[in-house]
């Protein structure tokens, strides 16, 4: 079974949905985590939740767990190992991947449940 070290970021993040052709907004910023995902259907922005203007479709209150990396592209089962333990505990996630690692976004209210489930599955959590 795979086990990982994860770091819990101190910030609180938001997931925003903008129209597909929208420019990257000036309020989309974050020192620890900023993600932009453009598809033909939308522009998704994951950023610090403080500066998002009214009128933007947003889901607030996310905390971020970062898998200690770098992870090799050939690794199999990283997200399955983590998301499986969280699914069994009833914790929903929003997953992001970068070149080096994976991030799991969790609702603030479920962070302690998630940490317990991950630790019970053999993972370690570093609270930044």
N, C-alpha and C. Protein backbone atom coordinates (compact mmCIF):
# COMPACT_ATOMS: atom_id res chain seq x y z
N UNK A 1 0.85 -1.19 0.00
CA UNK A 1 0.00 0.00 0.00
C UNK A 1 0.88 1.25 0.00
N UNK A 2 0.51 2.23 -0.77
CA UNK A 2 1.26 3.48 -0.85
C UNK A 2 0.97 4.34 0.37
N UNK A 3 2.00 5.02 0.87
CA UNK A 3 1.79 6.01 1.92
C UNK A 3 2.54 7.28 1.54
N UNK A 4 1.95 8.41 1.89
CA UNK A 4 2.49 9.71 1.48
C UNK A 4 2.53 10.67 2.64
N UNK A 5 3.42 11.65 2.51
CA UNK A 5 3.43 12.78 3.43
C UNK A 5 2.67 13.91 2.74
N UNK A 6 1.78 14.53 3.47
CA UNK A 6 1.00 15.64 2.94
C UNK A 6 1.18 16.86 3.83
N UNK A 7 1.08 18.02 3.22
CA UNK A 7 1.18 19.29 3.96
C UNK A 7 -0.14 20.02 3.86
N UNK A 8 -0.67 20.40 5.01
CA UNK A 8 -1.92 21.17 5.06
C UNK A 8 -1.57 22.65 5.00
N UNK A 9 -1.99 23.32 3.95
CA UNK A 9 -1.73 24.74 3.81
C UNK A 9 -2.63 25.53 4.77
N UNK A 10 -2.14 26.65 5.28
CA UNK A 10 -2.92 27.42 6.25
C UNK A 10 -4.06 28.23 5.64
N UNK A 11 -3.99 28.53 4.35
CA UNK A 11 -4.98 29.40 3.73
C UNK A 11 -6.33 28.76 3.51
N UNK A 12 -7.29 29.61 3.18
CA UNK A 12 -8.63 29.18 2.81
C UNK A 12 -8.85 29.63 1.37
N UNK A 13 -9.28 28.72 0.53
CA UNK A 13 -9.33 28.94 -0.91
C UNK A 13 -10.76 28.91 -1.42
N UNK A 14 -10.90 29.37 -2.66
CA UNK A 14 -12.20 29.37 -3.33
C UNK A 14 -12.02 28.77 -4.71
N UNK A 15 -13.09 28.15 -5.21
CA UNK A 15 -13.13 27.61 -6.57
C UNK A 15 -14.18 28.43 -7.31
N UNK A 16 -13.74 29.10 -8.38
CA UNK A 16 -14.60 30.00 -9.13
C UNK A 16 -14.81 29.50 -10.55
N UNK A 17 -15.98 29.79 -11.09
CA UNK A 17 -16.27 29.44 -12.48
C UNK A 17 -16.59 30.72 -13.25
N UNK A 18 -15.85 30.90 -14.35
CA UNK A 18 -16.05 32.04 -15.24
C UNK A 18 -16.40 31.52 -16.63
N UNK A 19 -16.94 32.37 -17.48
CA UNK A 19 -17.25 31.94 -18.85
C UNK A 19 -16.00 31.48 -19.59
N UNK A 20 -16.16 30.65 -20.61
CA UNK A 20 -15.00 30.06 -21.30
C UNK A 20 -14.03 31.07 -21.90
N UNK A 21 -14.48 32.19 -22.39
CA UNK A 21 -13.58 33.16 -23.01
C UNK A 21 -13.11 34.26 -22.08
N UNK A 22 -13.45 34.17 -20.81
CA UNK A 22 -13.08 35.22 -19.86
C UNK A 22 -11.57 35.34 -19.72
N UNK A 23 -11.07 36.58 -19.60
CA UNK A 23 -9.64 36.75 -19.34
C UNK A 23 -9.33 36.33 -17.90
N UNK A 24 -8.08 36.04 -17.62
CA UNK A 24 -7.69 35.73 -16.25
C UNK A 24 -7.88 37.00 -15.42
N UNK A 25 -8.70 36.94 -14.38
CA UNK A 25 -9.02 38.15 -13.62
C UNK A 25 -7.85 38.59 -12.73
N UNK A 26 -7.75 39.90 -12.51
CA UNK A 26 -6.69 40.46 -11.67
C UNK A 26 -6.81 39.99 -10.23
N UNK A 27 -8.02 39.65 -9.78
CA UNK A 27 -8.21 39.21 -8.39
C UNK A 27 -7.77 37.76 -8.18
N UNK A 28 -7.46 37.05 -9.23
CA UNK A 28 -7.02 35.65 -9.12
C UNK A 28 -5.56 35.64 -8.72
N UNK A 29 -5.33 35.47 -7.44
CA UNK A 29 -3.95 35.44 -6.95
C UNK A 29 -3.84 34.55 -5.74
N UNK A 30 -2.62 34.16 -5.45
CA UNK A 30 -2.35 33.33 -4.29
C UNK A 30 -0.87 33.00 -4.23
N UNK A 31 -0.27 33.18 -3.08
CA UNK A 31 1.14 32.88 -2.91
C UNK A 31 1.39 31.37 -2.78
N UNK A 32 0.48 30.67 -2.14
CA UNK A 32 0.67 29.23 -1.91
C UNK A 32 0.00 28.37 -2.98
N UNK A 33 -1.12 28.85 -3.51
CA UNK A 33 -1.85 28.05 -4.49
C UNK A 33 -2.69 28.97 -5.38
N UNK A 34 -2.49 28.82 -6.67
CA UNK A 34 -3.29 29.48 -7.69
C UNK A 34 -3.36 28.53 -8.86
N UNK A 35 -4.56 28.17 -9.29
CA UNK A 35 -4.72 27.26 -10.43
C UNK A 35 -5.74 27.84 -11.39
N UNK A 36 -5.40 27.77 -12.67
CA UNK A 36 -6.29 28.21 -13.74
C UNK A 36 -6.47 27.05 -14.69
N UNK A 37 -7.71 26.70 -14.96
CA UNK A 37 -8.00 25.59 -15.87
C UNK A 37 -9.02 26.09 -16.88
N UNK A 38 -8.59 26.15 -18.13
CA UNK A 38 -9.48 26.62 -19.19
C UNK A 38 -9.88 25.43 -20.05
N UNK A 39 -11.18 25.32 -20.30
CA UNK A 39 -11.72 24.31 -21.21
C UNK A 39 -12.65 25.04 -22.18
N UNK A 40 -13.17 24.33 -23.16
CA UNK A 40 -14.14 24.98 -24.05
C UNK A 40 -15.41 25.42 -23.31
N UNK A 41 -15.65 24.89 -22.12
CA UNK A 41 -16.88 25.17 -21.39
C UNK A 41 -16.76 26.22 -20.31
N UNK A 42 -15.54 26.48 -19.81
CA UNK A 42 -15.40 27.37 -18.65
C UNK A 42 -13.94 27.71 -18.39
N UNK A 43 -13.75 28.71 -17.51
CA UNK A 43 -12.46 28.99 -16.90
C UNK A 43 -12.66 28.78 -15.41
N UNK A 44 -11.95 27.82 -14.85
CA UNK A 44 -12.00 27.57 -13.41
C UNK A 44 -10.79 28.21 -12.78
N UNK A 45 -11.02 28.93 -11.68
CA UNK A 45 -9.95 29.58 -10.95
C UNK A 45 -9.99 29.07 -9.51
N UNK A 46 -8.85 28.57 -9.03
CA UNK A 46 -8.70 28.21 -7.63
C UNK A 46 -7.71 29.21 -7.06
N UNK A 47 -8.15 29.96 -6.05
CA UNK A 47 -7.31 31.03 -5.51
C UNK A 47 -7.71 31.34 -4.07
N UNK A 48 -6.96 32.28 -3.47
CA UNK A 48 -7.35 32.78 -2.16
C UNK A 48 -8.75 33.37 -2.27
N UNK A 49 -9.54 33.18 -1.25
CA UNK A 49 -10.95 33.58 -1.34
C UNK A 49 -11.26 35.01 -1.00
N UNK A 50 -10.27 35.80 -0.58
CA UNK A 50 -10.56 37.12 -0.03
C UNK A 50 -10.99 38.17 -1.05
N UNK A 51 -10.47 38.16 -2.26
CA UNK A 51 -10.68 39.28 -3.18
C UNK A 51 -11.65 39.01 -4.31
N UNK A 52 -12.44 37.99 -4.22
CA UNK A 52 -13.35 37.64 -5.31
C UNK A 52 -14.55 38.58 -5.28
N UNK A 53 -14.82 39.25 -6.38
CA UNK A 53 -15.93 40.21 -6.39
C UNK A 53 -17.29 39.51 -6.40
N UNK A 54 -18.30 40.26 -6.03
CA UNK A 54 -19.66 39.72 -6.10
C UNK A 54 -20.01 39.48 -7.55
N UNK A 55 -20.92 38.56 -7.78
CA UNK A 55 -21.35 38.24 -9.13
C UNK A 55 -20.58 37.09 -9.76
N UNK A 56 -19.52 36.65 -9.11
CA UNK A 56 -18.74 35.51 -9.62
C UNK A 56 -19.31 34.24 -9.01
N UNK A 57 -19.51 33.22 -9.84
CA UNK A 57 -19.96 31.93 -9.31
C UNK A 57 -18.79 31.32 -8.54
N UNK A 58 -18.99 31.08 -7.25
CA UNK A 58 -17.88 30.67 -6.40
C UNK A 58 -18.34 29.69 -5.34
N UNK A 59 -17.45 28.76 -5.01
CA UNK A 59 -17.63 27.84 -3.89
C UNK A 59 -16.46 28.13 -2.95
N UNK A 60 -16.78 28.67 -1.79
CA UNK A 60 -15.75 29.09 -0.82
C UNK A 60 -15.50 28.03 0.25
N UNK A 61 -14.45 28.26 1.02
CA UNK A 61 -14.22 27.45 2.21
C UNK A 61 -13.42 26.18 1.99
N UNK A 62 -12.45 26.20 1.10
CA UNK A 62 -11.62 25.03 0.83
C UNK A 62 -10.27 25.16 1.51
N UNK A 63 -9.76 24.06 2.04
CA UNK A 63 -8.39 23.97 2.54
C UNK A 63 -7.62 23.05 1.60
N UNK A 64 -6.31 23.22 1.54
CA UNK A 64 -5.49 22.48 0.58
C UNK A 64 -4.48 21.57 1.27
N UNK A 65 -4.45 20.32 0.82
CA UNK A 65 -3.43 19.35 1.21
C UNK A 65 -2.54 19.11 0.00
N UNK A 66 -1.24 19.28 0.18
CA UNK A 66 -0.28 19.04 -0.90
C UNK A 66 0.48 17.75 -0.62
N UNK A 67 0.55 16.88 -1.61
CA UNK A 67 1.33 15.65 -1.49
C UNK A 67 2.80 16.03 -1.66
N UNK A 68 3.64 15.63 -0.70
CA UNK A 68 5.07 15.92 -0.81
C UNK A 68 5.61 15.27 -2.07
N UNK A 69 6.29 16.04 -2.86
CA UNK A 69 6.82 15.55 -4.13
C UNK A 69 8.29 15.88 -4.25
N UNK A 70 8.83 15.74 -5.41
CA UNK A 70 8.11 15.48 -6.66
C UNK A 70 7.70 14.02 -6.80
N UNK A 71 6.61 13.83 -7.51
CA UNK A 71 6.11 12.50 -7.83
C UNK A 71 6.46 12.19 -9.28
N UNK A 72 6.90 10.99 -9.52
CA UNK A 72 7.22 10.58 -10.89
C UNK A 72 5.92 10.36 -11.67
N UNK A 73 5.94 10.71 -12.93
CA UNK A 73 4.75 10.52 -13.77
C UNK A 73 4.37 9.03 -13.86
N UNK A 74 5.33 8.15 -13.67
CA UNK A 74 5.06 6.72 -13.77
C UNK A 74 4.39 6.13 -12.52
N UNK A 75 4.29 6.91 -11.44
CA UNK A 75 3.65 6.40 -10.22
C UNK A 75 2.18 6.13 -10.49
N UNK A 76 1.72 5.00 -10.02
CA UNK A 76 0.33 4.59 -10.21
C UNK A 76 -0.36 4.53 -8.86
N UNK A 77 -1.56 5.10 -8.77
CA UNK A 77 -2.37 4.94 -7.58
C UNK A 77 -2.24 6.02 -6.53
N UNK A 78 -1.59 7.13 -6.85
CA UNK A 78 -1.41 8.19 -5.86
C UNK A 78 -2.77 8.73 -5.42
N UNK A 79 -3.53 9.25 -6.36
CA UNK A 79 -4.84 9.81 -6.00
C UNK A 79 -5.80 8.74 -5.50
N UNK A 80 -5.69 7.54 -6.05
CA UNK A 80 -6.57 6.45 -5.59
C UNK A 80 -6.31 6.12 -4.13
N UNK A 81 -5.05 6.10 -3.74
CA UNK A 81 -4.70 5.79 -2.35
C UNK A 81 -5.27 6.84 -1.40
N UNK A 82 -5.17 8.09 -1.78
CA UNK A 82 -5.65 9.18 -0.93
C UNK A 82 -7.16 9.33 -0.99
N UNK A 83 -7.70 9.35 -2.20
CA UNK A 83 -9.14 9.57 -2.34
C UNK A 83 -9.95 8.39 -1.82
N UNK A 84 -9.41 7.19 -1.91
CA UNK A 84 -10.11 6.02 -1.38
C UNK A 84 -10.32 6.12 0.12
N UNK A 85 -9.27 6.51 0.84
CA UNK A 85 -9.38 6.66 2.29
C UNK A 85 -10.38 7.77 2.64
N UNK A 86 -10.36 8.84 1.86
CA UNK A 86 -11.28 9.95 2.13
C UNK A 86 -12.72 9.58 1.77
N UNK A 87 -12.90 8.85 0.69
CA UNK A 87 -14.25 8.42 0.31
C UNK A 87 -14.87 7.53 1.38
N UNK A 88 -14.06 6.64 1.94
CA UNK A 88 -14.57 5.76 3.01
C UNK A 88 -15.00 6.56 4.23
N UNK A 89 -14.37 7.73 4.45
CA UNK A 89 -14.72 8.58 5.58
C UNK A 89 -15.81 9.59 5.22
N UNK A 90 -16.30 9.55 3.98
CA UNK A 90 -17.36 10.45 3.56
C UNK A 90 -16.88 11.87 3.26
N UNK A 91 -15.60 12.01 2.91
CA UNK A 91 -15.03 13.33 2.63
C UNK A 91 -14.93 13.53 1.13
N UNK A 92 -15.56 14.59 0.64
CA UNK A 92 -15.50 14.95 -0.76
C UNK A 92 -14.23 15.75 -1.03
N UNK A 93 -13.65 15.58 -2.22
CA UNK A 93 -12.43 16.31 -2.57
C UNK A 93 -12.56 17.00 -3.92
N UNK A 94 -11.72 17.98 -4.12
CA UNK A 94 -11.51 18.62 -5.41
C UNK A 94 -10.02 18.45 -5.66
N UNK A 95 -9.63 17.66 -6.65
CA UNK A 95 -8.23 17.31 -6.88
C UNK A 95 -7.62 18.16 -7.98
N UNK A 96 -6.36 18.53 -7.78
CA UNK A 96 -5.57 19.26 -8.76
C UNK A 96 -4.21 18.58 -8.87
N UNK A 97 -3.63 18.63 -10.05
CA UNK A 97 -2.30 18.08 -10.24
C UNK A 97 -1.40 19.12 -10.89
N UNK A 98 -0.13 19.09 -10.51
CA UNK A 98 0.89 19.93 -11.14
C UNK A 98 1.94 19.00 -11.74
N UNK A 99 2.97 19.58 -12.31
CA UNK A 99 4.04 18.77 -12.89
C UNK A 99 4.68 17.88 -11.82
N UNK A 100 4.83 18.39 -10.61
CA UNK A 100 5.55 17.67 -9.55
C UNK A 100 4.69 16.92 -8.55
N UNK A 101 3.43 17.30 -8.38
CA UNK A 101 2.68 16.73 -7.27
C UNK A 101 1.17 16.84 -7.48
N UNK A 102 0.44 16.43 -6.45
CA UNK A 102 -1.02 16.51 -6.44
C UNK A 102 -1.48 17.31 -5.23
N UNK A 103 -2.63 17.94 -5.37
CA UNK A 103 -3.27 18.68 -4.30
C UNK A 103 -4.67 18.14 -4.11
N UNK A 104 -5.11 18.08 -2.86
CA UNK A 104 -6.48 17.74 -2.54
C UNK A 104 -7.09 18.93 -1.83
N UNK A 105 -8.18 19.45 -2.35
CA UNK A 105 -8.91 20.50 -1.67
C UNK A 105 -10.07 19.86 -0.94
N UNK A 106 -10.22 20.28 0.32
CA UNK A 106 -11.25 19.74 1.21
C UNK A 106 -12.02 20.89 1.81
N UNK A 107 -13.29 20.70 2.03
CA UNK A 107 -14.06 21.73 2.71
C UNK A 107 -13.56 21.86 4.16
N UNK A 108 -13.51 23.11 4.64
CA UNK A 108 -12.98 23.39 5.99
C UNK A 108 -13.62 22.50 7.05
N UNK A 109 -14.91 22.31 6.95
CA UNK A 109 -15.64 21.54 7.97
C UNK A 109 -15.23 20.07 8.01
N UNK A 110 -14.57 19.59 6.95
CA UNK A 110 -14.19 18.17 6.88
C UNK A 110 -12.69 17.92 7.08
N UNK A 111 -11.93 18.97 7.36
CA UNK A 111 -10.47 18.82 7.45
C UNK A 111 -10.06 17.83 8.52
N UNK A 112 -10.60 17.93 9.71
CA UNK A 112 -10.18 17.03 10.79
C UNK A 112 -10.58 15.58 10.49
N UNK A 113 -11.76 15.38 9.93
CA UNK A 113 -12.17 14.04 9.51
C UNK A 113 -11.22 13.50 8.46
N UNK A 114 -10.85 14.35 7.51
CA UNK A 114 -9.94 13.93 6.43
C UNK A 114 -8.57 13.57 6.97
N UNK A 115 -8.04 14.39 7.85
CA UNK A 115 -6.72 14.10 8.43
C UNK A 115 -6.74 12.78 9.17
N UNK A 116 -7.76 12.56 9.96
CA UNK A 116 -7.86 11.30 10.70
C UNK A 116 -7.93 10.11 9.75
N UNK A 117 -8.73 10.22 8.71
CA UNK A 117 -8.86 9.13 7.74
C UNK A 117 -7.54 8.86 7.04
N UNK A 118 -6.84 9.91 6.65
CA UNK A 118 -5.56 9.73 5.96
C UNK A 118 -4.50 9.14 6.89
N UNK A 119 -4.45 9.61 8.13
CA UNK A 119 -3.50 9.04 9.09
C UNK A 119 -3.82 7.58 9.38
N UNK A 120 -5.09 7.25 9.50
CA UNK A 120 -5.49 5.86 9.72
C UNK A 120 -5.10 4.97 8.55
N UNK A 121 -5.00 5.56 7.36
CA UNK A 121 -4.60 4.80 6.16
C UNK A 121 -3.08 4.75 5.98
N UNK A 122 -2.33 5.33 6.94
CA UNK A 122 -0.87 5.25 6.89
C UNK A 122 -0.16 6.45 6.32
N UNK A 123 -0.88 7.51 6.03
CA UNK A 123 -0.28 8.74 5.51
C UNK A 123 0.07 9.66 6.68
N UNK A 124 1.00 10.57 6.48
CA UNK A 124 1.35 11.55 7.51
C UNK A 124 0.99 12.94 7.04
N UNK A 125 0.56 13.78 7.99
CA UNK A 125 0.11 15.13 7.67
C UNK A 125 0.97 16.13 8.44
N UNK A 126 1.54 17.08 7.71
CA UNK A 126 2.29 18.18 8.31
C UNK A 126 1.40 19.42 8.22
N UNK A 127 1.06 19.97 9.36
CA UNK A 127 0.22 21.16 9.39
C UNK A 127 1.13 22.38 9.35
N UNK A 128 1.14 23.08 8.22
CA UNK A 128 1.99 24.26 8.07
C UNK A 128 1.50 25.41 8.93
